[in-house]
Amino acid sequence: SWLLSGGGWGYPFKMIILGLDPGLGTTGWGVIVADGNRLSHIANGQIKTDTKMSLASRLLKLDLELTDLLLEYKPDGAAVEEVYVNSNPQSTLKLGQARGVVLLGASRTGIEVGEYSARTVKKSVVGVGRADKAQIQAMIRILLPGVKLAGPDAADALAVAITHAHHRKR
């Protein structure tokens, strides 16, 4: 109905968004609620894998823990930070594999999955495409008052979720 769609302004009334900052060693995650232009923090954390485990076991652990998050928070949408290419091809490949697991896991639920470059995330959250991690974390604390960040990867994941809230279909 008109009222449930946000009163005709095109915003879904309330949307739970799962933000993900993929990594093989640590994948950050953050869950927010976007209610019109208002954002609220639900939870954030990090999925860590042990470097002593095989690659397949690490990817499986990532998938299983992501599945638990999706079942617990039942997001209406998800957002993933795009992969950046670094100087170590092996690291880039492992990051790409972790990102593939995250994209597959989120899309398996049938929800919309947005992908955003680091520059877009920084610009959406801080207003500057070259913002550093400290600036991003400071803005997250302003946008989500009272948030306790589980770590830098969780902060990045919340920034991705906030970006998705700003860019979602209107």
C-alpha atoms as a PDB file:
ATOM      1  CA  SER A   1       0.000   0.000   0.000  1.00  0.00           C
ATOM      2  CA  TRP A   2       0.948   3.669  -0.269  1.00  0.00           C
ATOM      3  CA  LEU A   3       1.617   3.981   3.477  1.00  0.00           C
ATOM      4  CA  LEU A   4       3.836   0.882   3.661  1.00  0.00           C
ATOM      5  CA  SER A   5       5.915   2.076   0.712  1.00  0.00           C
ATOM      6  CA  GLY A   6       7.094   5.049   2.735  1.00  0.00           C
ATOM      7  CA  GLY A   7       4.218   7.402   2.091  1.00  0.00           C
ATOM      8  CA  GLY A   8       4.794   7.760  -1.632  1.00  0.00           C
ATOM      9  CA  TRP A   9       8.387   8.985  -1.517  1.00  0.00           C
ATOM     10  CA  GLY A  10       9.652   5.720  -2.936  1.00  0.00           C
ATOM     11  CA  TYR A  11      11.498   4.443   0.167  1.00  0.00           C
ATOM     12  CA  PRO A  12      10.637   0.993   1.407  1.00  0.00           C
ATOM     13  CA  PHE A  13       9.091   1.534   4.830  1.00  0.00           C
ATOM     14  CA  LYS A  14      11.868  -0.313   6.655  1.00  0.00           C
ATOM     15  CA  MET A  15      14.755  -2.225   5.178  1.00  0.00           C
ATOM     16  CA  ILE A  16      17.249  -4.419   7.010  1.00  0.00           C
ATOM     17  CA  ILE A  17      20.619  -4.263   5.224  1.00  0.00           C
ATOM     18  CA  LEU A  18      23.585  -6.581   5.685  1.00  0.00           C
ATOM     19  CA  GLY A  19      26.893  -4.978   4.738  1.00  0.00           C
ATOM     20  CA  LEU A  20      29.879  -7.206   4.003  1.00  0.00           C
ATOM     21  CA  ASP A  21      33.588  -6.462   3.717  1.00  0.00           C
ATOM     22  CA  PRO A  22      34.939  -9.760   2.381  1.00  0.00           C
ATOM     23  CA  GLY A  23      38.326 -11.197   3.216  1.00  0.00           C
ATOM     24  CA  LEU A  24      39.683 -14.702   3.576  1.00  0.00           C
ATOM     25  CA  GLY A  25      41.271 -14.026   6.975  1.00  0.00           C
ATOM     26  CA  THR A  26      38.562 -11.676   8.254  1.00  0.00           C
ATOM     27  CA  THR A  27      35.208 -10.820   6.729  1.00  0.00           C
ATOM     28  CA  GLY A  28      33.530  -7.879   8.387  1.00  0.00           C
ATOM     29  CA  TRP A  29      29.752  -7.713   8.642  1.00  0.00           C
ATOM     30  CA  GLY A  30      27.271  -5.121   9.802  1.00  0.00           C
ATOM     31  CA  VAL A  31      23.487  -5.026   9.984  1.00  0.00           C
ATOM     32  CA  ILE A  32      21.504  -1.783   9.932  1.00  0.00           C
ATOM     33  CA  VAL A  33      17.896  -0.737   9.490  1.00  0.00           C
ATOM     34  CA  ALA A  34      17.099   1.994   6.991  1.00  0.00           C
ATOM     35  CA  ASP A  35      13.741   3.583   7.776  1.00  0.00           C
ATOM     36  CA  GLY A  36      13.314   6.331   5.221  1.00  0.00           C
ATOM     37  CA  ASN A  37      16.436   8.441   5.754  1.00  0.00           C
ATOM     38  CA  ARG A  38      16.926   7.233   9.347  1.00  0.00           C
ATOM     39  CA  LEU A  39      19.581   4.600   9.982  1.00  0.00           C
ATOM     40  CA  SER A  40      19.834   2.368  13.051  1.00  0.00           C
ATOM     41  CA  HIS A  41      22.516  -0.117  14.055  1.00  0.00           C
ATOM     42  CA  ILE A  42      21.464  -3.699  14.768  1.00  0.00           C
ATOM     43  CA  ALA A  43      24.745  -5.632  15.016  1.00  0.00           C
ATOM     44  CA  ASN A  44      28.259  -5.952  13.628  1.00  0.00           C
ATOM     45  CA  GLY A  45      31.089  -8.429  13.830  1.00  0.00           C
ATOM     46  CA  GLN A  46      33.811 -10.313  12.056  1.00  0.00           C
ATOM     47  CA  ILE A  47      34.048 -13.814  10.627  1.00  0.00           C
ATOM     48  CA  LYS A  48      37.622 -15.019  11.110  1.00  0.00           C
ATOM     49  CA  THR A  49      39.259 -18.052   9.528  1.00  0.00           C
ATOM     50  CA  ASP A  50      42.420 -19.800  10.666  1.00  0.00           C
ATOM     51  CA  THR A  51      45.397 -19.619   8.301  1.00  0.00           C
ATOM     52  CA  LYS A  52      46.289 -23.185   9.313  1.00  0.00           C
ATOM     53  CA  MET A  53      43.074 -24.464   7.718  1.00  0.00           C
ATOM     54  CA  SER A  54      42.934 -25.477   4.058  1.00  0.00           C
ATOM     55  CA  LEU A  55      41.539 -22.922   1.609  1.00  0.00           C
ATOM     56  CA  ALA A  56      38.437 -25.071   1.066  1.00  0.00           C
ATOM     57  CA  SER A  57      37.813 -25.310   4.829  1.00  0.00           C
ATOM     58  CA  ARG A  58      38.240 -21.555   5.260  1.00  0.00           C
ATOM     59  CA  LEU A  59      35.753 -20.834   2.455  1.00  0.00           C
ATOM     60  CA  LEU A  60      33.306 -23.343   3.967  1.00  0.00           C
ATOM     61  CA  LYS A  61      33.585 -21.698   7.409  1.00  0.00           C
ATOM     62  CA  LEU A  62      32.912 -18.318   5.794  1.00  0.00           C
ATOM     63  CA  ASP A  63      29.847 -19.711   4.002  1.00  0.00           C
ATOM     64  CA  LEU A  64      28.452 -21.419   7.116  1.00  0.00           C
ATOM     65  CA  GLU A  65      28.862 -18.352   9.333  1.00  0.00           C
ATOM     66  CA  LEU A  66      27.380 -16.075   6.663  1.00  0.00           C
ATOM     67  CA  THR A  67      24.405 -18.439   6.365  1.00  0.00           C
ATOM     68  CA  ASP A  68      23.910 -18.181  10.148  1.00  0.00           C
ATOM     69  CA  LEU A  69      23.916 -14.354   9.890  1.00  0.00           C
ATOM     70  CA  LEU A  70      21.402 -14.405   7.029  1.00  0.00           C
ATOM     71  CA  LEU A  71      19.093 -16.722   8.992  1.00  0.00           C
ATOM     72  CA  GLU A  72      19.403 -14.690  12.197  1.00  0.00           C
ATOM     73  CA  TYR A  73      18.921 -11.178  10.791  1.00  0.00           C
ATOM     74  CA  LYS A  74      16.817 -11.931   7.671  1.00  0.00           C
ATOM     75  CA  PRO A  75      18.044  -8.894   5.701  1.00  0.00           C
ATOM     76  CA  ASP A  76      15.982  -7.377   2.899  1.00  0.00           C
ATOM     77  CA  GLY A  77      19.158  -6.450   1.027  1.00  0.00           C
ATOM     78  CA  ALA A  78      22.900  -6.911   1.185  1.00  0.00           C
ATOM     79  CA  ALA A  79      25.893  -4.955  -0.004  1.00  0.00           C
ATOM     80  CA  VAL A  80      29.441  -6.082  -0.694  1.00  0.00           C
ATOM     81  CA  GLU A  81      32.572  -4.032  -1.186  1.00  0.00           C
ATOM     82  CA  GLU A  82      34.152  -4.583  -4.595  1.00  0.00           C
ATOM     83  CA  VAL A  83      37.548  -6.223  -4.756  1.00  0.00           C
ATOM     84  CA  TYR A  84      40.586  -4.065  -5.179  1.00  0.00           C
ATOM     85  CA  VAL A  85      43.693  -5.352  -6.923  1.00  0.00           C
ATOM     86  CA  ASN A  86      46.810  -5.270  -4.803  1.00  0.00           C
ATOM     87  CA  SER A  87      50.425  -6.011  -5.655  1.00  0.00           C
ATOM     88  CA  ASN A  88      50.265  -9.639  -4.515  1.00  0.00           C
ATOM     89  CA  PRO A  89      48.351 -11.732  -7.086  1.00  0.00           C
ATOM     90  CA  GLN A  90      47.951 -14.610  -4.583  1.00  0.00           C
ATOM     91  CA  SER A  91      46.285 -12.287  -2.045  1.00  0.00           C
ATOM     92  CA  THR A  92      44.022 -10.831  -4.739  1.00  0.00           C
ATOM     93  CA  LEU A  93      42.980 -14.340  -5.805  1.00  0.00           C
ATOM     94  CA  LYS A  94      42.152 -15.399  -2.224  1.00  0.00           C
ATOM     95  CA  LEU A  95      40.203 -12.194  -1.660  1.00  0.00           C
ATOM     96  CA  GLY A  96      38.278 -12.859  -4.881  1.00  0.00           C
ATOM     97  CA  GLN A  97      37.402 -16.362  -3.719  1.00  0.00           C
ATOM     98  CA  ALA A  98      36.152 -15.073  -0.360  1.00  0.00           C
ATOM     99  CA  ARG A  99      34.160 -12.391  -2.170  1.00  0.00           C
ATOM    100  CA  GLY A 100      32.615 -15.071  -4.412  1.00  0.00           C
ATOM    101  CA  VAL A 101      31.470 -17.042  -1.361  1.00  0.00           C
ATOM    102  CA  VAL A 102      29.950 -13.887   0.159  1.00  0.00           C
ATOM    103  CA  LEU A 103      28.163 -12.888  -3.069  1.00  0.00           C
ATOM    104  CA  LEU A 104      26.816 -16.402  -3.581  1.00  0.00           C
ATOM    105  CA  GLY A 105      25.707 -16.754   0.031  1.00  0.00           C
ATOM    106  CA  ALA A 106      23.849 -13.448   0.087  1.00  0.00           C
ATOM    107  CA  SER A 107      22.262 -13.892  -3.348  1.00  0.00           C
ATOM    108  CA  ARG A 108      21.167 -17.461  -2.502  1.00  0.00           C
ATOM    109  CA  THR A 109      18.484 -15.963  -0.243  1.00  0.00           C
ATOM    110  CA  GLY A 110      16.928 -14.078  -3.162  1.00  0.00           C
ATOM    111  CA  ILE A 111      17.675 -10.610  -1.773  1.00  0.00           C
ATOM    112  CA  GLU A 112      19.117  -7.753  -3.802  1.00  0.00           C
ATOM    113  CA  VAL A 113      22.912  -7.611  -3.468  1.00  0.00           C
ATOM    114  CA  GLY A 114      24.600  -4.300  -4.239  1.00  0.00           C
ATOM    115  CA  GLU A 115      28.292  -3.955  -5.005  1.00  0.00           C
ATOM    116  CA  TYR A 116      30.200  -0.767  -4.273  1.00  0.00           C
ATOM    117  CA  SER A 117      33.764   0.376  -4.865  1.00  0.00           C
ATOM    118  CA  ALA A 118      35.812   1.534  -1.882  1.00  0.00           C
ATOM    119  CA  ARG A 119      35.748   5.048  -3.346  1.00  0.00           C
ATOM    120  CA  THR A 120      31.934   5.050  -3.564  1.00  0.00           C
ATOM    121  CA  VAL A 121      31.682   3.810   0.036  1.00  0.00           C
ATOM    122  CA  LYS A 122      34.047   6.528   1.301  1.00  0.00           C
ATOM    123  CA  LYS A 123      32.217   9.212  -0.663  1.00  0.00           C
ATOM    124  CA  SER A 124      28.799   8.031   0.607  1.00  0.00           C
ATOM    125  CA  VAL A 125      29.823   7.869   4.254  1.00  0.00           C
ATOM    126  CA  VAL A 126      32.381  10.671   4.619  1.00  0.00           C
ATOM    127  CA  GLY A 127      31.727  12.801   1.537  1.00  0.00           C
ATOM    128  CA  VAL A 128      35.276  12.351   0.227  1.00  0.00           C
ATOM    129  CA  GLY A 129      36.445   9.488  -1.995  1.00  0.00           C
ATOM    130  CA  ARG A 130      39.901   9.417  -0.415  1.00  0.00           C
ATOM    131  CA  ALA A 131      38.839   9.255   3.254  1.00  0.00           C
ATOM    132  CA  ASP A 132      40.948   7.145   5.602  1.00  0.00           C
ATOM    133  CA  LYS A 133      39.736   4.436   7.992  1.00  0.00           C
ATOM    134  CA  ALA A 134      39.730   6.795  10.992  1.00  0.00           C
ATOM    135  CA  GLN A 135      37.438   9.256   9.152  1.00  0.00           C
ATOM    136  CA  ILE A 136      35.092   6.424   8.130  1.00  0.00           C
ATOM    137  CA  GLN A 137      34.894   5.098  11.688  1.00  0.00           C
ATOM    138  CA  ALA A 138      34.251   8.598  13.064  1.00  0.00           C
ATOM    139  CA  MET A 139      31.358   9.112  10.615  1.00  0.00           C
ATOM    140  CA  ILE A 140      29.904   5.682  11.414  1.00  0.00           C
ATOM    141  CA  ARG A 141      29.829   6.672  15.092  1.00  0.00           C
ATOM    142  CA  ILE A 142      27.933   9.851  14.123  1.00  0.00           C
ATOM    143  CA  LEU A 143      25.506   8.097  11.743  1.00  0.00           C
ATOM    144  CA  LEU A 144      24.918   5.156  14.119  1.00  0.00           C
ATOM    145  CA  PRO A 145      25.060   6.663  17.647  1.00  0.00           C
ATOM    146  CA  GLY A 146      26.146   4.259  20.379  1.00  0.00           C
ATOM    147  CA  VAL A 147      27.623   1.715  17.969  1.00  0.00           C
ATOM    148  CA  LYS A 148      30.408  -0.461  19.373  1.00  0.00           C
ATOM    149  CA  LEU A 149      32.600  -1.526  16.475  1.00  0.00           C
ATOM    150  CA  ALA A 150      33.858  -5.132  16.533  1.00  0.00           C
ATOM    151  CA  GLY A 151      36.922  -4.073  14.520  1.00  0.00           C
ATOM    152  CA  PRO A 152      38.029  -2.242  11.375  1.00  0.00           C
ATOM    153  CA  ASP A 153      36.506  -4.863   9.037  1.00  0.00           C
ATOM    154  CA  ALA A 154      33.159  -4.586  10.825  1.00  0.00           C
ATOM    155  CA  ALA A 155      33.354  -0.786  10.503  1.00  0.00           C
ATOM    156  CA  ASP A 156      33.995  -1.141   6.764  1.00  0.00           C
ATOM    157  CA  ALA A 157      31.015  -3.505   6.487  1.00  0.00           C
ATOM    158  CA  LEU A 158      28.742  -0.992   8.233  1.00  0.00           C
ATOM    159  CA  ALA A 159      30.010   1.677   5.814  1.00  0.00           C
ATOM    160  CA  VAL A 160      29.044  -0.592   2.900  1.00  0.00           C
ATOM    161  CA  ALA A 161      25.573  -1.113   4.422  1.00  0.00           C
ATOM    162  CA  ILE A 162      25.141   2.666   4.847  1.00  0.00           C
ATOM    163  CA  THR A 163      26.192   3.140   1.210  1.00  0.00           C
ATOM    164  CA  HIS A 164      23.539   0.642   0.118  1.00  0.00           C
ATOM    165  CA  ALA A 165      20.929   2.507   2.169  1.00  0.00           C
ATOM    166  CA  HIS A 166      21.836   5.722   0.305  1.00  0.00           C
ATOM    167  CA  HIS A 167      21.865   4.047  -3.131  1.00  0.00           C
ATOM    168  CA  ARG A 168      18.908   1.673  -2.849  1.00  0.00           C
ATOM    169  CA  LYS A 169      16.172   1.879  -5.415  1.00  0.00           C
ATOM    170  CA  ARG A 170      13.929   4.796  -4.707  1.00  0.00           C
END
